[in-house]
Amino acid sequence: MPDSWTIRHFSQANPRGERQGDVAALLRRVADSIDEHAGAEVQDITFGSEVNDDGDWPSLTVYFHLPGDDGV
């Protein structure tokens, strides 16, 4: 096992505005983004939320490895 490693990640939220709090739409968007990373091995997904003038604004951060990354 390596002493340390780097993991790739991206964060995603719905566009700010009236439908920004639609968690089901956010999950679909994130699933599409994962599909765009061919062979991605997802290690973790975290959920966060902030509040702005339009209400709750959830986001997801996906942590993943790609084939060929060290340790995969």
PDB file of N, CA and C in Angstrom:
ATOM      1  N   MET A   1       0.850  -1.174   0.000  1.00  0.00           N
ATOM      2  CA  MET A   1       0.000   0.000   0.000  1.00  0.00           C
ATOM      3  C   MET A   1       0.894   1.236   0.000  1.00  0.00           C
ATOM      4  N   PRO A   2       0.557   2.224  -0.859  1.00  0.00           N
ATOM      5  CA  PRO A   2       1.388   3.435  -0.896  1.00  0.00           C
ATOM      6  C   PRO A   2       1.227   4.259   0.366  1.00  0.00           C
ATOM      7  N   ASP A   3       2.287   5.030   0.683  1.00  0.00           N
ATOM      8  CA  ASP A   3       2.222   5.912   1.849  1.00  0.00           C
ATOM      9  C   ASP A   3       1.219   7.042   1.646  1.00  0.00           C
ATOM     10  N   SER A   4       1.076   7.488   0.410  1.00  0.00           N
ATOM     11  CA  SER A   4       0.107   8.536   0.099  1.00  0.00           C
ATOM     12  C   SER A   4      -0.275   8.416  -1.371  1.00  0.00           C
ATOM     13  N   TRP A   5      -1.358   9.072  -1.766  1.00  0.00           N
ATOM     14  CA  TRP A   5      -1.790   9.039  -3.146  1.00  0.00           C
ATOM     15  C   TRP A   5      -2.646  10.275  -3.421  1.00  0.00           C
ATOM     16  N   THR A   6      -2.836  10.505  -4.689  1.00  0.00           N
ATOM     17  CA  THR A   6      -3.686  11.606  -5.122  1.00  0.00           C
ATOM     18  C   THR A   6      -4.946  11.020  -5.717  1.00  0.00           C
ATOM     19  N   ILE A   7      -6.064  11.629  -5.433  1.00  0.00           N
ATOM     20  CA  ILE A   7      -7.327  11.179  -6.004  1.00  0.00           C
ATOM     21  C   ILE A   7      -7.936  12.328  -6.804  1.00  0.00           C
ATOM     22  N   ARG A   8      -8.522  11.981  -7.909  1.00  0.00           N
ATOM     23  CA  ARG A   8      -9.201  12.990  -8.728  1.00  0.00           C
ATOM     24  C   ARG A   8     -10.546  13.314  -8.098  1.00  0.00           C
ATOM     25  N   HIS A   9     -11.063  14.477  -8.405  1.00  0.00           N
ATOM     26  CA  HIS A   9     -12.386  14.834  -7.900  1.00  0.00           C
ATOM     27  C   HIS A   9     -12.996  15.958  -8.736  1.00  0.00           C
ATOM     28  N   PHE A  10     -14.307  16.048  -8.666  1.00  0.00           N
ATOM     29  CA  PHE A  10     -15.013  17.197  -9.223  1.00  0.00           C
ATOM     30  C   PHE A  10     -16.233  17.464  -8.362  1.00  0.00           C
ATOM     31  N   SER A  11     -16.654  18.710  -8.332  1.00  0.00           N
ATOM     32  CA  SER A  11     -17.862  19.111  -7.619  1.00  0.00           C
ATOM     33  C   SER A  11     -18.868  19.622  -8.631  1.00  0.00           C
ATOM     34  N   GLN A  12     -20.138  19.379  -8.345  1.00  0.00           N
ATOM     35  CA  GLN A  12     -21.166  19.798  -9.286  1.00  0.00           C
ATOM     36  C   GLN A  12     -22.418  20.220  -8.533  1.00  0.00           C
ATOM     37  N   ALA A  13     -23.078  21.238  -9.061  1.00  0.00           N
ATOM     38  CA  ALA A  13     -24.355  21.723  -8.533  1.00  0.00           C
ATOM     39  C   ALA A  13     -25.237  22.066  -9.721  1.00  0.00           C
ATOM     40  N   ASN A  14     -26.521  22.177  -9.480  1.00  0.00           N
ATOM     41  CA  ASN A  14     -27.426  22.671 -10.508  1.00  0.00           C
ATOM     42  C   ASN A  14     -27.152  24.153 -10.722  1.00  0.00           C
ATOM     43  N   PRO A  15     -27.527  24.672 -11.883  1.00  0.00           N
ATOM     44  CA  PRO A  15     -27.379  26.112 -12.088  1.00  0.00           C
ATOM     45  C   PRO A  15     -28.169  26.896 -11.032  1.00  0.00           C
ATOM     46  N   ARG A  16     -27.602  27.987 -10.597  1.00  0.00           N
ATOM     47  CA  ARG A  16     -28.259  28.821  -9.594  1.00  0.00           C
ATOM     48  C   ARG A  16     -29.584  29.341 -10.142  1.00  0.00           C
ATOM     49  N   GLY A  17     -30.595  29.329  -9.288  1.00  0.00           N
ATOM     50  CA  GLY A  17     -31.892  29.838  -9.704  1.00  0.00           C
ATOM     51  C   GLY A  17     -33.028  29.011  -9.143  1.00  0.00           C
ATOM     52  N   GLU A  18     -34.160  29.126  -9.770  1.00  0.00           N
ATOM     53  CA  GLU A  18     -35.404  28.541  -9.276  1.00  0.00           C
ATOM     54  C   GLU A  18     -35.321  27.039  -8.998  1.00  0.00           C
ATOM     55  N   ARG A  19     -34.635  26.270  -9.837  1.00  0.00           N
ATOM     56  CA  ARG A  19     -34.580  24.807  -9.679  1.00  0.00           C
ATOM     57  C   ARG A  19     -33.260  24.317  -9.086  1.00  0.00           C
ATOM     58  N   GLN A  20     -32.508  25.209  -8.478  1.00  0.00           N
ATOM     59  CA  GLN A  20     -31.195  24.826  -7.947  1.00  0.00           C
ATOM     60  C   GLN A  20     -31.276  23.767  -6.856  1.00  0.00           C
ATOM     61  N   GLY A  21     -32.382  23.659  -6.153  1.00  0.00           N
ATOM     62  CA  GLY A  21     -32.525  22.704  -5.062  1.00  0.00           C
ATOM     63  C   GLY A  21     -33.027  21.337  -5.473  1.00  0.00           C
ATOM     64  N   ASP A  22     -33.167  21.074  -6.765  1.00  0.00           N
ATOM     65  CA  ASP A  22     -33.696  19.803  -7.274  1.00  0.00           C
ATOM     66  C   ASP A  22     -32.615  18.718  -7.162  1.00  0.00           C
ATOM     67  N   VAL A  23     -32.657  17.959  -6.079  1.00  0.00           N
ATOM     68  CA  VAL A  23     -31.622  16.948  -5.814  1.00  0.00           C
ATOM     69  C   VAL A  23     -31.662  15.831  -6.854  1.00  0.00           C
ATOM     70  N   ALA A  24     -32.848  15.410  -7.282  1.00  0.00           N
ATOM     71  CA  ALA A  24     -32.938  14.350  -8.297  1.00  0.00           C
ATOM     72  C   ALA A  24     -32.255  14.792  -9.591  1.00  0.00           C
ATOM     73  N   ALA A  25     -32.462  16.043  -9.993  1.00  0.00           N
ATOM     74  CA  ALA A  25     -31.799  16.558 -11.201  1.00  0.00           C
ATOM     75  C   ALA A  25     -30.289  16.603 -10.998  1.00  0.00           C
ATOM     76  N   LEU A  26     -29.852  16.982  -9.802  1.00  0.00           N
ATOM     77  CA  LEU A  26     -28.418  17.009  -9.502  1.00  0.00           C
ATOM     78  C   LEU A  26     -27.818  15.607  -9.601  1.00  0.00           C
ATOM     79  N   LEU A  27     -28.497  14.618  -9.050  1.00  0.00           N
ATOM     80  CA  LEU A  27     -28.004  13.243  -9.132  1.00  0.00           C
ATOM     81  C   LEU A  27     -27.885  12.781 -10.583  1.00  0.00           C
ATOM     82  N   ARG A  28     -28.857  13.131 -11.424  1.00  0.00           N
ATOM     83  CA  ARG A  28     -28.779  12.763 -12.844  1.00  0.00           C
ATOM     84  C   ARG A  28     -27.589  13.460 -13.512  1.00  0.00           C
ATOM     85  N   ARG A  29     -27.379  14.733 -13.200  1.00  0.00           N
ATOM     86  CA  ARG A  29     -26.251  15.475 -13.780  1.00  0.00           C
ATOM     87  C   ARG A  29     -24.924  14.846 -13.381  1.00  0.00           C
ATOM     88  N   VAL A  30     -24.804  14.478 -12.118  1.00  0.00           N
ATOM     89  CA  VAL A  30     -23.558  13.871 -11.642  1.00  0.00           C
ATOM     90  C   VAL A  30     -23.361  12.501 -12.280  1.00  0.00           C
ATOM     91  N   ALA A  31     -24.429  11.721 -12.410  1.00  0.00           N
ATOM     92  CA  ALA A  31     -24.313  10.407 -13.066  1.00  0.00           C
ATOM     93  C   ALA A  31     -23.823  10.573 -14.505  1.00  0.00           C
ATOM     94  N   ASP A  32     -24.352  11.564 -15.216  1.00  0.00           N
ATOM     95  CA  ASP A  32     -23.889  11.821 -16.583  1.00  0.00           C
ATOM     96  C   ASP A  32     -22.407  12.206 -16.596  1.00  0.00           C
ATOM     97  N   SER A  33     -21.982  12.999 -15.635  1.00  0.00           N
ATOM     98  CA  SER A  33     -20.576  13.402 -15.560  1.00  0.00           C
ATOM     99  C   SER A  33     -19.672  12.208 -15.261  1.00  0.00           C
ATOM    100  N   ILE A  34     -20.115  11.311 -14.385  1.00  0.00           N
ATOM    101  CA  ILE A  34     -19.331  10.102 -14.104  1.00  0.00           C
ATOM    102  C   ILE A  34     -19.196   9.268 -15.372  1.00  0.00           C
ATOM    103  N   ASP A  35     -20.290   9.127 -16.131  1.00  0.00           N
ATOM    104  CA  ASP A  35     -20.249   8.367 -17.379  1.00  0.00           C
ATOM    105  C   ASP A  35     -19.254   8.955 -18.378  1.00  0.00           C
ATOM    106  N   GLU A  36     -19.028  10.267 -18.327  1.00  0.00           N
ATOM    107  CA  GLU A  36     -18.084  10.911 -19.234  1.00  0.00           C
ATOM    108  C   GLU A  36     -16.630  10.573 -18.899  1.00  0.00           C
ATOM    109  N   HIS A  37     -16.368  10.082 -17.704  1.00  0.00           N
ATOM    110  CA  HIS A  37     -15.023   9.666 -17.288  1.00  0.00           C
ATOM    111  C   HIS A  37     -14.938   8.144 -17.455  1.00  0.00           C
ATOM    112  N   ALA A  38     -14.649   7.699 -18.666  1.00  0.00           N
ATOM    113  CA  ALA A  38     -14.652   6.272 -18.988  1.00  0.00           C
ATOM    114  C   ALA A  38     -13.784   5.475 -18.022  1.00  0.00           C
ATOM    115  N   GLY A  39     -14.363   4.454 -17.421  1.00  0.00           N
ATOM    116  CA  GLY A  39     -13.629   3.575 -16.523  1.00  0.00           C
ATOM    117  C   GLY A  39     -13.405   4.127 -15.132  1.00  0.00           C
ATOM    118  N   ALA A  40     -14.034   5.233 -14.797  1.00  0.00           N
ATOM    119  CA  ALA A  40     -13.827   5.832 -13.475  1.00  0.00           C
ATOM    120  C   ALA A  40     -14.237   4.858 -12.377  1.00  0.00           C
ATOM    121  N   GLU A  41     -13.380   4.762 -11.367  1.00  0.00           N
ATOM    122  CA  GLU A  41     -13.683   3.969 -10.181  1.00  0.00           C
ATOM    123  C   GLU A  41     -13.977   4.960  -9.060  1.00  0.00           C
ATOM    124  N   VAL A  42     -15.257   5.120  -8.736  1.00  0.00           N
ATOM    125  CA  VAL A  42     -15.676   6.092  -7.732  1.00  0.00           C
ATOM    126  C   VAL A  42     -15.313   5.579  -6.352  1.00  0.00           C
ATOM    127  N   GLN A  43     -14.647   6.421  -5.576  1.00  0.00           N
ATOM    128  CA  GLN A  43     -14.234   6.074  -4.223  1.00  0.00           C
ATOM    129  C   GLN A  43     -15.179   6.642  -3.172  1.00  0.00           C
ATOM    130  N   ASP A  44     -15.742   7.825  -3.446  1.00  0.00           N
ATOM    131  CA  ASP A  44     -16.593   8.476  -2.450  1.00  0.00           C
ATOM    132  C   ASP A  44     -17.388   9.579  -3.135  1.00  0.00           C
ATOM    133  N   ILE A  45     -18.550   9.879  -2.592  1.00  0.00           N
ATOM    134  CA  ILE A  45     -19.354  11.010  -3.025  1.00  0.00           C
ATOM    135  C   ILE A  45     -19.832  11.720  -1.762  1.00  0.00           C
ATOM    136  N   THR A  46     -19.602  13.023  -1.698  1.00  0.00           N
ATOM    137  CA  THR A  46     -20.056  13.785  -0.539  1.00  0.00           C
ATOM    138  C   THR A  46     -21.130  14.775  -0.970  1.00  0.00           C
ATOM    139  N   PHE A  47     -22.048  15.033  -0.065  1.00  0.00           N
ATOM    140  CA  PHE A  47     -23.167  15.933  -0.304  1.00  0.00           C
ATOM    141  C   PHE A  47     -22.999  17.160   0.569  1.00  0.00           C
ATOM    142  N   GLY A  48     -23.187  18.315  -0.014  1.00  0.00           N
ATOM    143  CA  GLY A  48     -23.128  19.555   0.750  1.00  0.00           C
ATOM    144  C   GLY A  48     -24.243  20.478   0.286  1.00  0.00           C
ATOM    145  N   SER A  49     -24.502  21.498   1.055  1.00  0.00           N
ATOM    146  CA  SER A  49     -25.536  22.451   0.677  1.00  0.00           C
ATOM    147  C   SER A  49     -25.207  23.809   1.270  1.00  0.00           C
ATOM    148  N   GLU A  50     -25.503  24.830   0.518  1.00  0.00           N
ATOM    149  CA  GLU A  50     -25.421  26.185   1.033  1.00  0.00           C
ATOM    150  C   GLU A  50     -26.755  26.848   0.750  1.00  0.00           C
ATOM    151  N   VAL A  51     -26.965  27.995   1.317  1.00  0.00           N
ATOM    152  CA  VAL A  51     -28.209  28.719   1.126  1.00  0.00           C
ATOM    153  C   VAL A  51     -27.879  30.072   0.495  1.00  0.00           C
ATOM    154  N   ASN A  52     -28.652  30.427  -0.529  1.00  0.00           N
ATOM    155  CA  ASN A  52     -28.516  31.746  -1.135  1.00  0.00           C
ATOM    156  C   ASN A  52     -29.915  32.359  -1.261  1.00  0.00           C
ATOM    157  N   ASP A  53     -30.042  33.426  -1.998  1.00  0.00           N
ATOM    158  CA  ASP A  53     -31.329  34.120  -2.128  1.00  0.00           C
ATOM    159  C   ASP A  53     -32.425  33.242  -2.735  1.00  0.00           C
ATOM    160  N   ASP A  54     -32.034  32.202  -3.480  1.00  0.00           N
ATOM    161  CA  ASP A  54     -33.001  31.300  -4.106  1.00  0.00           C
ATOM    162  C   ASP A  54     -33.278  30.062  -3.272  1.00  0.00           C
ATOM    163  N   GLY A  55     -32.721  29.967  -2.060  1.00  0.00           N
ATOM    164  CA  GLY A  55     -32.966  28.828  -1.176  1.00  0.00           C
ATOM    165  C   GLY A  55     -31.776  27.890  -1.091  1.00  0.00           C
ATOM    166  N   ASP A  56     -32.053  26.626  -0.741  1.00  0.00           N
ATOM    167  CA  ASP A  56     -30.999  25.618  -0.633  1.00  0.00           C
ATOM    168  C   ASP A  56     -30.363  25.384  -2.000  1.00  0.00           C
ATOM    169  N   TRP A  57     -29.024  25.227  -1.981  1.00  0.00           N
ATOM    170  CA  TRP A  57     -28.272  24.980  -3.216  1.00  0.00           C
ATOM    171  C   TRP A  57     -27.326  23.806  -2.959  1.00  0.00           C
ATOM    172  N   PRO A  58     -27.831  22.580  -3.163  1.00  0.00           N
ATOM    173  CA  PRO A  58     -27.011  21.403  -2.895  1.00  0.00           C
ATOM    174  C   PRO A  58     -25.920  21.201  -3.949  1.00  0.00           C
ATOM    175  N   SER A  59     -24.882  20.498  -3.541  1.00  0.00           N
ATOM    176  CA  SER A  59     -23.807  20.118  -4.459  1.00  0.00           C
ATOM    177  C   SER A  59     -23.282  18.745  -4.059  1.00  0.00           C
ATOM    178  N   LEU A  60     -22.655  18.090  -5.007  1.00  0.00           N
ATOM    179  CA  LEU A  60     -22.006  16.806  -4.770  1.00  0.00           C
ATOM    180  C   LEU A  60     -20.554  16.917  -5.194  1.00  0.00           C
ATOM    181  N   THR A  61     -19.659  16.276  -4.443  1.00  0.00           N
ATOM    182  CA  THR A  61     -18.270  16.135  -4.837  1.00  0.00           C
ATOM    183  C   THR A  61     -17.998  14.654  -5.016  1.00  0.00           C
ATOM    184  N   VAL A  62     -17.466  14.295  -6.179  1.00  0.00           N
ATOM    185  CA  VAL A  62     -17.174  12.901  -6.526  1.00  0.00           C
ATOM    186  C   VAL A  62     -15.656  12.731  -6.509  1.00  0.00           C
ATOM    187  N   TYR A  63     -15.185  11.731  -5.766  1.00  0.00           N
ATOM    188  CA  TYR A  63     -13.759  11.386  -5.690  1.00  0.00           C
ATOM    189  C   TYR A  63     -13.568  10.077  -6.445  1.00  0.00           C
ATOM    190  N   PHE A  64     -12.604  10.042  -7.374  1.00  0.00           N
ATOM    191  CA  PHE A  64     -12.472   8.865  -8.235  1.00  0.00           C
ATOM    192  C   PHE A  64     -11.048   8.673  -8.732  1.00  0.00           C
ATOM    193  N   HIS A  65     -10.797   7.470  -9.235  1.00  0.00           N
ATOM    194  CA  HIS A  65      -9.551   7.111  -9.923  1.00  0.00           C
ATOM    195  C   HIS A  65      -9.909   6.734 -11.350  1.00  0.00           C
ATOM    196  N   LEU A  66      -8.963   6.910 -12.255  1.00  0.00           N
ATOM    197  CA  LEU A  66      -9.103   6.447 -13.633  1.00  0.00           C
ATOM    198  C   LEU A  66      -8.120   5.317 -13.881  1.00  0.00           C
ATOM    199  N   PRO A  67      -8.415   4.435 -14.831  1.00  0.00           N
ATOM    200  CA  PRO A  67      -7.455   3.386 -15.174  1.00  0.00           C
ATOM    201  C   PRO A  67      -6.091   4.000 -15.470  1.00  0.00           C
ATOM    202  N   GLY A  68      -5.063   3.414 -14.932  1.00  0.00           N
ATOM    203  CA  GLY A  68      -3.709   3.919 -15.137  1.00  0.00           C
ATOM    204  C   GLY A  68      -3.216   4.848 -14.046  1.00  0.00           C
ATOM    205  N   ASP A  69      -4.134   5.338 -13.195  1.00  0.00           N
ATOM    206  CA  ASP A  69      -3.681   6.130 -12.057  1.00  0.00           C
ATOM    207  C   ASP A  69      -2.886   5.215 -11.122  1.00  0.00           C
ATOM    208  N   ASP A  70      -1.902   5.753 -10.433  1.00  0.00           N
ATOM    209  CA  ASP A  70      -1.100   4.946  -9.499  1.00  0.00           C
ATOM    210  C   ASP A  70      -2.006   4.245  -8.506  1.00  0.00           C
ATOM    211  N   GLY A  71      -1.739   2.983  -8.267  1.00  0.00           N
ATOM    212  CA  GLY A  71      -2.484   2.233  -7.261  1.00  0.00           C
ATOM    213  C   GLY A  71      -3.780   1.638  -7.768  1.00  0.00           C
ATOM    214  N   VAL A  72      -4.111   1.813  -9.047  1.00  0.00           N
ATOM    215  CA  VAL A  72      -5.365   1.259  -9.589  1.00  0.00           C
ATOM    216  C   VAL A  72      -5.031   0.152 -10.542  1.00  0.00           C
TER     217      VAL A  72
END
